[in-house]
Protein backbone atom coordinates (compact mmCIF):
# COMPACT_ATOMS: atom_id res chain seq x y z
CA MET A 1 -9.12 -29.28 -21.06
CA GLN A 2 -6.73 -29.22 -23.97
CA ILE A 3 -8.38 -26.12 -25.42
CA ALA A 4 -7.91 -24.25 -22.15
CA ALA A 5 -4.27 -25.32 -21.96
CA THR A 6 -3.66 -24.23 -25.55
CA ILE A 7 -5.27 -20.84 -24.97
CA THR A 8 -3.32 -20.37 -21.76
CA LYS A 9 -0.05 -21.24 -23.53
CA LYS A 10 -0.83 -18.67 -26.21
CA ILE A 11 -1.55 -16.05 -23.54
CA ILE A 12 1.75 -16.87 -21.82
CA ARG A 13 3.59 -16.57 -25.14
CA ILE A 14 1.97 -13.16 -25.72
CA GLN A 15 2.91 -12.05 -22.20
CA ARG A 16 6.51 -13.21 -22.71
CA THR A 17 6.75 -11.29 -26.00
CA LEU A 18 5.21 -8.20 -24.41
CA LEU A 19 7.59 -8.43 -21.45
CA ASN A 20 10.68 -8.83 -23.65
CA ASN A 21 9.67 -5.98 -25.97
CA THR A 22 8.89 -3.67 -23.06
CA LEU A 23 12.16 -4.41 -21.30
CA GLU A 24 14.08 -3.95 -24.55
CA ALA A 25 12.47 -0.54 -25.07
CA GLN A 26 13.16 0.39 -21.45
CA THR A 27 16.78 -0.69 -21.83
CA LEU A 28 17.25 1.45 -24.94
CA TRP A 29 15.64 4.43 -23.21
CA GLN A 30 17.81 4.06 -20.10
CA GLU A 31 21.00 3.61 -22.12
CA GLN A 32 20.24 6.79 -24.06
CA GLY A 33 19.62 8.64 -20.80
CA GLU A 34 22.89 7.33 -19.37
CA ARG A 35 24.85 8.42 -22.44
CA THR A 36 23.31 11.89 -22.27
CA THR A 37 23.93 12.20 -18.53
CA ARG A 38 27.52 10.99 -18.87
CA ALA A 39 28.14 13.56 -21.61
CA ILE A 40 26.81 16.27 -19.30
CA LEU A 41 28.82 14.99 -16.32
CA ASP A 42 32.01 14.85 -18.39
CA GLN A 43 31.62 18.53 -19.19
CA ALA A 44 30.67 19.50 -15.63
CA VAL A 45 34.04 20.10 -14.00
CA TRP A 46 32.32 21.48 -10.90
CA MET A 47 30.72 18.08 -10.13
CA PRO A 48 32.56 16.34 -7.27
CA ASP A 49 33.79 12.77 -7.66
CA ALA A 50 31.30 11.59 -5.03
CA GLY A 51 28.45 12.70 -7.30
CA ARG A 52 29.92 10.84 -10.25
CA ARG A 53 30.36 7.69 -8.15
CA LEU A 54 26.78 8.03 -6.94
CA TRP A 55 25.60 8.20 -10.54
CA ASP A 56 27.67 5.13 -11.47
CA CYS A 57 26.31 3.13 -8.52
CA TRP A 58 22.74 4.14 -9.31
CA SER A 59 23.19 3.21 -12.96
CA ASP A 60 24.66 -0.19 -12.06
CA ASP A 61 21.82 -0.87 -9.60
CA VAL A 62 19.20 -0.07 -12.24
CA LYS A 63 20.87 -2.45 -14.71
CA ALA A 64 21.12 -5.21 -12.09
CA GLY A 65 17.49 -4.74 -11.06
CA ARG A 66 16.31 -4.87 -14.64
CA THR A 67 18.30 -8.05 -15.31
CA THR A 68 17.02 -9.69 -12.12
CA PHE A 69 13.43 -8.75 -12.93
CA GLN A 70 13.69 -10.14 -16.44
CA SER A 71 15.25 -13.41 -15.28
CA LEU A 72 12.59 -13.86 -12.57
CA MET A 73 9.76 -13.19 -14.99
CA ASN A 74 11.20 -15.60 -17.55
CA ALA A 75 11.63 -18.25 -14.84
CA HIS A 76 7.99 -17.85 -13.77
CA LEU A 77 6.75 -17.98 -17.36
CA ASP A 78 8.85 -21.11 -17.90
CA MET A 79 7.28 -22.57 -14.76
CA MET A 80 3.82 -21.91 -16.16
CA ASP A 81 4.83 -23.64 -19.41
CA GLY A 82 6.01 -26.60 -17.36
CA ILE A 83 2.76 -26.75 -15.42
CA LEU A 84 0.76 -26.77 -18.63
CA ALA A 85 2.99 -29.31 -20.41
CA PRO A 86 1.45 -32.39 -18.70
CA GLN A 87 -1.98 -31.23 -19.87
CA ASP A 88 -0.97 -32.13 -23.43
CA THR A 89 -0.25 -35.76 -22.51
CA GLU A 90 -3.32 -36.15 -20.31
CA SER A 91 -5.67 -35.24 -23.11
CA GLN A 92 -4.67 -38.33 -25.07
CA PRO A 93 -6.99 -41.34 -24.78
CA GLY A 94 -6.20 -43.48 -21.80
CA PRO A 95 -7.55 -46.75 -20.41
CA ARG A 96 -10.87 -45.18 -19.38
CA SER A 97 -11.71 -44.20 -22.92
CA SER A 98 -11.07 -47.68 -24.29
CA PRO A 99 -13.98 -50.00 -25.07
CA GLY A 100 -15.50 -51.79 -22.13
CA TYR A 101 -15.50 -48.81 -19.75
CA PRO A 102 -18.66 -46.77 -19.41
CA THR A 103 -18.41 -43.15 -20.39
CA PHE A 104 -19.86 -40.53 -18.10
CA PRO A 105 -20.62 -36.95 -19.02
CA THR A 106 -18.15 -34.47 -17.55
């Protein structure tokens, strides 16, 4: 059981690293797009203020959604780590493995 828990923990660690790297790349890409769009909007005098406010609201919503998604994923990965943590203590010898108790194949 300990081998399965160890492998699962490694998989979770890989998934966490993949998630963080992907979200970091997405954040950089979105920030670059926002800077480019803002530069274009600053030069576009014909753009009404409602359009600029719409862009600002959309940009803020994307940032909030990304932050919420990342915090939820990290919380769930932490939960999986917590579920697997007791497996480490259960694999240690207990009273059933002490002399005097019969051992049965599992």
